[in-house]
């Protein structure tokens, strides 16, 4: 199954990219993510980097891991995650500038 959502955001794409790529912010905006597990051993800059996270599903606290597959700064991110009760999920984020102060995220 593929789900695609396109949103226009009123910030420069580089600023949004920097925020979304900082795994320490994930619990603030990523639905269901409770915390980053062992953030000192996590990395999210280049292909092969990974981040362990705790999330909630059906009232249970579970742990998963996200893996960075492709990163092109402020343009494109492809990643996948593995999570108990969910399995493997792939994600793609495409950053498209609208103007200097806004972009769309697909």
Protein backbone atom coordinates (compact mmCIF):
# COMPACT_ATOMS: atom_id res chain seq x y z
CA UNK A 1 0.00 0.00 0.00
CA UNK A 2 1.23 3.50 -0.79
CA UNK A 3 -0.06 6.61 0.95
CA UNK A 4 0.94 10.04 -0.35
CA UNK A 5 0.30 13.34 1.38
CA UNK A 6 1.43 16.71 0.04
CA UNK A 7 1.66 19.67 2.39
CA UNK A 8 2.71 23.28 1.80
CA UNK A 9 4.69 24.66 4.71
CA UNK A 10 5.52 28.36 5.23
CA UNK A 11 9.24 27.94 5.98
CA UNK A 12 12.32 27.60 3.77
CA UNK A 13 12.97 23.98 2.76
CA UNK A 14 16.51 24.02 4.23
CA UNK A 15 15.20 25.09 7.64
CA UNK A 16 12.55 22.36 7.57
CA UNK A 17 15.07 19.77 6.37
CA UNK A 18 17.42 20.61 9.25
CA UNK A 19 14.57 20.31 11.78
CA UNK A 20 13.09 17.08 10.42
CA UNK A 21 16.54 15.50 10.05
CA UNK A 22 17.35 16.14 13.71
CA UNK A 23 16.16 12.87 15.24
CA UNK A 24 16.05 14.50 18.68
CA UNK A 25 12.96 16.45 17.49
CA UNK A 26 11.05 13.36 16.36
CA UNK A 27 9.07 12.91 19.62
CA UNK A 28 7.79 16.49 19.21
CA UNK A 29 6.17 15.95 15.81
CA UNK A 30 6.28 12.30 14.70
CA UNK A 31 2.95 10.71 15.60
CA UNK A 32 3.34 7.92 18.13
CA UNK A 33 7.06 8.43 18.80
CA UNK A 34 7.62 8.69 22.54
CA UNK A 35 11.39 8.99 22.79
CA UNK A 36 14.71 8.29 21.10
CA UNK A 37 16.35 5.22 22.63
CA UNK A 38 20.08 5.70 23.31
CA UNK A 39 20.44 8.98 21.38
CA UNK A 40 24.21 9.06 21.98
CA UNK A 41 24.69 6.05 19.69
CA UNK A 42 22.26 7.31 17.02
CA UNK A 43 23.26 9.01 13.77
CA UNK A 44 21.15 10.45 10.94
CA UNK A 45 23.46 12.06 8.38
CA UNK A 46 24.42 9.48 5.74
CA UNK A 47 23.26 6.23 4.17
CA UNK A 48 23.28 3.40 6.70
CA UNK A 49 22.80 5.59 9.78
CA UNK A 50 20.10 4.46 12.19
CA UNK A 51 18.03 5.64 15.14
CA UNK A 52 16.27 3.48 17.71
CA UNK A 53 12.99 4.89 18.98
CA UNK A 54 10.15 4.02 21.33
CA UNK A 55 6.59 4.41 20.14
CA UNK A 56 3.11 3.63 21.33
CA UNK A 57 0.75 1.28 19.53
CA UNK A 58 -2.57 0.10 20.93
CA UNK A 59 -1.55 1.45 24.32
CA UNK A 60 1.72 -0.49 24.41
CA UNK A 61 5.24 0.92 24.44
CA UNK A 62 7.33 -0.73 21.73
CA UNK A 63 10.75 -0.08 20.24
CA UNK A 64 11.66 0.22 16.58
CA UNK A 65 14.59 1.29 14.47
CA UNK A 66 14.78 3.68 11.51
CA UNK A 67 17.46 3.36 8.82
CA UNK A 68 18.55 6.14 6.46
CA UNK A 69 18.72 4.85 2.86
CA UNK A 70 19.19 8.03 0.78
CA UNK A 71 19.69 11.66 1.74
CA UNK A 72 19.99 14.67 -0.56
CA UNK A 73 20.07 17.79 1.59
CA UNK A 74 16.84 19.80 1.49
CA UNK A 75 15.62 17.78 -1.52
CA UNK A 76 14.98 14.12 -0.79
CA UNK A 77 15.09 11.56 2.03
CA UNK A 78 14.35 7.85 1.79
CA UNK A 79 14.31 5.70 4.90
CA UNK A 80 12.77 2.54 6.27
CA UNK A 81 11.87 1.44 9.75
CA UNK A 82 11.24 -1.87 11.44
CA UNK A 83 8.73 -2.07 14.25
CA UNK A 84 7.12 -4.92 16.19
CA UNK A 85 3.41 -5.37 15.33
CA UNK A 86 3.92 -3.19 12.23
CA UNK A 87 6.79 -4.74 10.27
CA UNK A 88 8.92 -2.81 7.82
CA UNK A 89 7.70 0.55 6.55
CA UNK A 90 9.34 2.71 3.85
CA UNK A 91 9.18 6.50 3.85
CA UNK A 92 10.11 9.07 1.19
CA UNK A 93 10.17 12.81 1.75
CA UNK A 94 10.42 15.07 -1.30
CA UNK A 95 11.12 18.75 -0.63
CA UNK A 96 9.93 21.10 -3.41
CA UNK A 97 10.57 24.84 -3.08
CA UNK A 98 7.54 27.03 -3.77
CA UNK A 99 9.34 30.31 -3.12
CA UNK A 100 12.02 31.59 -0.71
CA UNK A 101 9.75 31.32 2.31
CA UNK A 102 7.78 28.15 1.58
CA UNK A 103 8.04 24.62 0.24
CA UNK A 104 5.92 21.53 -0.24
CA UNK A 105 6.69 18.23 1.39
CA UNK A 106 5.47 15.13 -0.40
